């Protein structure tokens, strides 16, 4: 049974736990560090961080942004802590993300990943994301249409 997952605003009560999230060593080439993502959200203002809470504790990070030019909600910076992986938290977090933004009035959810990130491609494809042929820097873009 997948864990109960909630997406929470990052605030004074949980930012330290979020900043401590770290992927497995073999995943570090696919994601930036969570402290980097938190700084990106703080200083660039387009991105907004969310804590992934699983079974009552912080188990990951994800962030979102709105692209006003095409009406997309972007999902980025998804990192599940190495000690919490293998329990379906990533899938549950993406499902919670889709649920959270499905009624937002935006056209779709977009995300990107490196072409050789087989785990990300497999997860997102199995959840209904479709690669569009677009690229974001050196990453493949996939979209989930409501």
Protein backbone atom coordinates (compact mmCIF):
# COMPACT_ATOMS: atom_id res chain seq x y z
CA UNK A 1 0.00 0.00 0.00
CA UNK A 2 1.48 3.38 -0.99
CA UNK A 3 2.25 5.78 1.84
CA UNK A 4 -0.08 8.66 2.68
CA UNK A 5 1.55 11.68 0.99
CA UNK A 6 0.80 15.37 1.41
CA UNK A 7 2.41 18.38 -0.26
CA UNK A 8 3.03 21.14 2.27
CA UNK A 9 4.30 24.69 1.95
CA UNK A 10 7.91 25.00 3.06
CA UNK A 11 7.90 27.18 6.17
CA UNK A 12 9.65 27.80 9.49
CA UNK A 13 8.50 24.43 10.84
CA UNK A 14 9.90 22.20 8.08
CA UNK A 15 12.55 23.98 6.02
CA UNK A 16 15.43 22.34 7.86
CA UNK A 17 14.03 18.87 7.22
CA UNK A 18 13.48 19.77 3.55
CA UNK A 19 17.04 21.13 3.21
CA UNK A 20 18.38 17.84 4.60
CA UNK A 21 16.74 15.77 1.81
CA UNK A 22 19.36 14.03 -0.32
CA UNK A 23 19.05 11.52 -3.16
CA UNK A 24 21.15 8.39 -3.51
CA UNK A 25 24.68 9.03 -4.74
CA UNK A 26 23.93 7.51 -8.17
CA UNK A 27 21.05 9.99 -8.65
CA UNK A 28 23.01 13.20 -8.04
CA UNK A 29 23.79 13.72 -11.72
CA UNK A 30 20.05 13.91 -12.46
CA UNK A 31 19.01 16.45 -9.80
CA UNK A 32 20.47 19.46 -8.04
CA UNK A 33 20.78 19.61 -4.29
CA UNK A 34 17.64 20.53 -2.37
CA UNK A 35 19.38 23.55 -0.75
CA UNK A 36 20.06 24.79 -4.31
CA UNK A 37 16.37 24.37 -5.18
CA UNK A 38 15.35 26.24 -2.02
CA UNK A 39 17.68 29.11 -2.94
CA UNK A 40 16.33 29.13 -6.50
CA UNK A 41 12.81 29.45 -5.12
CA UNK A 42 13.80 32.19 -2.68
CA UNK A 43 15.86 34.36 -5.02
CA UNK A 44 14.27 33.89 -8.44
CA UNK A 45 10.66 34.01 -7.21
CA UNK A 46 9.22 32.02 -10.14
CA UNK A 47 9.55 28.67 -8.38
CA UNK A 48 7.72 27.70 -5.19
CA UNK A 49 8.93 24.86 -2.95
CA UNK A 50 6.78 22.15 -1.40
CA UNK A 51 7.71 19.57 1.21
CA UNK A 52 6.67 16.01 0.48
CA UNK A 53 5.34 14.55 3.72
CA UNK A 54 4.93 10.78 3.85
CA UNK A 55 3.40 9.07 6.83
CA UNK A 56 3.90 12.17 8.96
CA UNK A 57 7.53 13.01 8.17
CA UNK A 58 9.30 15.05 5.49
CA UNK A 59 10.49 12.61 2.85
CA UNK A 60 11.12 14.81 -0.16
CA UNK A 61 10.93 18.07 -2.06
CA UNK A 62 9.18 19.26 -5.20
CA UNK A 63 8.68 22.74 -6.61
CA UNK A 64 6.29 24.39 -9.02
CA UNK A 65 6.12 27.41 -11.33
CA UNK A 66 3.61 28.85 -13.77
CA UNK A 67 4.62 29.60 -17.35
CA UNK A 68 2.23 32.39 -18.27
CA UNK A 69 3.32 32.26 -21.92
CA UNK A 70 1.64 28.90 -22.51
CA UNK A 71 -0.46 28.28 -19.40
CA UNK A 72 1.64 25.40 -18.11
CA UNK A 73 2.27 24.48 -14.50
CA UNK A 74 5.85 23.23 -14.22
CA UNK A 75 6.89 20.49 -11.82
CA UNK A 76 10.57 20.57 -10.90
CA UNK A 77 13.10 19.58 -8.30
CA UNK A 78 11.44 16.31 -7.33
CA UNK A 79 13.77 14.61 -4.86
CA UNK A 80 12.82 11.79 -2.51
CA UNK A 81 15.27 11.28 0.33
CA UNK A 82 17.51 8.25 -0.13
CA UNK A 83 16.20 6.69 3.10
CA UNK A 84 12.59 6.96 1.92
CA UNK A 85 12.97 5.61 -1.61
CA UNK A 86 11.41 2.41 -2.87
CA UNK A 87 8.08 2.95 -1.12
CA UNK A 88 6.14 4.71 -3.90
CA UNK A 89 6.60 8.20 -2.46
CA UNK A 90 7.71 9.73 -5.77
CA UNK A 91 4.67 8.36 -7.61
CA UNK A 92 2.34 9.42 -4.78
CA UNK A 93 3.89 12.91 -4.76
CA UNK A 94 3.35 13.32 -8.52
CA UNK A 95 -0.26 12.15 -8.10
CA UNK A 96 -0.75 14.69 -5.28
CA UNK A 97 0.83 17.37 -7.49
CA UNK A 98 -1.54 16.56 -10.37
CA UNK A 99 -4.51 16.63 -7.97
CA UNK A 100 -3.39 19.95 -6.48
CA UNK A 101 -3.06 21.70 -9.83
CA UNK A 102 -5.76 19.99 -11.91
CA UNK A 103 -8.36 22.59 -10.94
CA UNK A 104 -5.99 25.54 -11.42
CA UNK A 105 -7.26 26.39 -14.88
CA UNK A 106 -3.81 25.87 -16.43
CA UNK A 107 -3.52 23.83 -19.60
CA UNK A 108 -1.12 21.12 -18.46
CA UNK A 109 1.69 20.07 -16.17
CA UNK A 110 5.12 20.18 -17.76
CA UNK A 111 8.40 18.78 -16.52
CA UNK A 112 11.79 17.89 -17.91
CA UNK A 113 14.47 15.28 -17.35
CA UNK A 114 17.75 14.19 -18.88
CA UNK A 115 17.20 11.75 -21.77
CA UNK A 116 19.18 9.00 -20.01
CA UNK A 117 17.24 9.27 -16.74
CA UNK A 118 15.42 5.98 -17.32
CA UNK A 119 13.75 5.95 -13.90
CA UNK A 120 12.20 9.42 -14.39
CA UNK A 121 11.11 8.66 -17.94
CA UNK A 122 9.50 5.38 -16.84
CA UNK A 123 7.70 6.96 -13.87
CA UNK A 124 6.32 9.93 -15.77
CA UNK A 125 5.33 7.92 -18.85
CA UNK A 126 3.48 5.41 -16.69
CA UNK A 127 1.54 8.31 -15.14
CA UNK A 128 0.37 9.76 -18.46
CA UNK A 129 3.09 12.31 -19.23
CA UNK A 130 3.92 12.46 -22.94
CA UNK A 131 7.23 13.64 -24.39
CA UNK A 132 6.52 16.56 -26.71
CA UNK A 133 9.74 16.87 -28.72
CA UNK A 134 10.51 20.10 -26.85
CA UNK A 135 13.80 20.51 -25.03
CA UNK A 136 14.56 22.58 -21.93
CA UNK A 137 18.31 23.13 -22.19
CA UNK A 138 19.57 19.52 -22.45
CA UNK A 139 16.44 17.94 -20.96
CA UNK A 140 13.43 16.29 -22.62
CA UNK A 141 10.08 17.97 -21.89
CA UNK A 142 7.01 15.87 -21.11
CA UNK A 143 3.49 17.14 -20.46
CA UNK A 144 0.44 15.83 -18.65
CA UNK A 145 -2.73 17.25 -20.19
CA UNK A 146 -5.85 17.59 -18.08
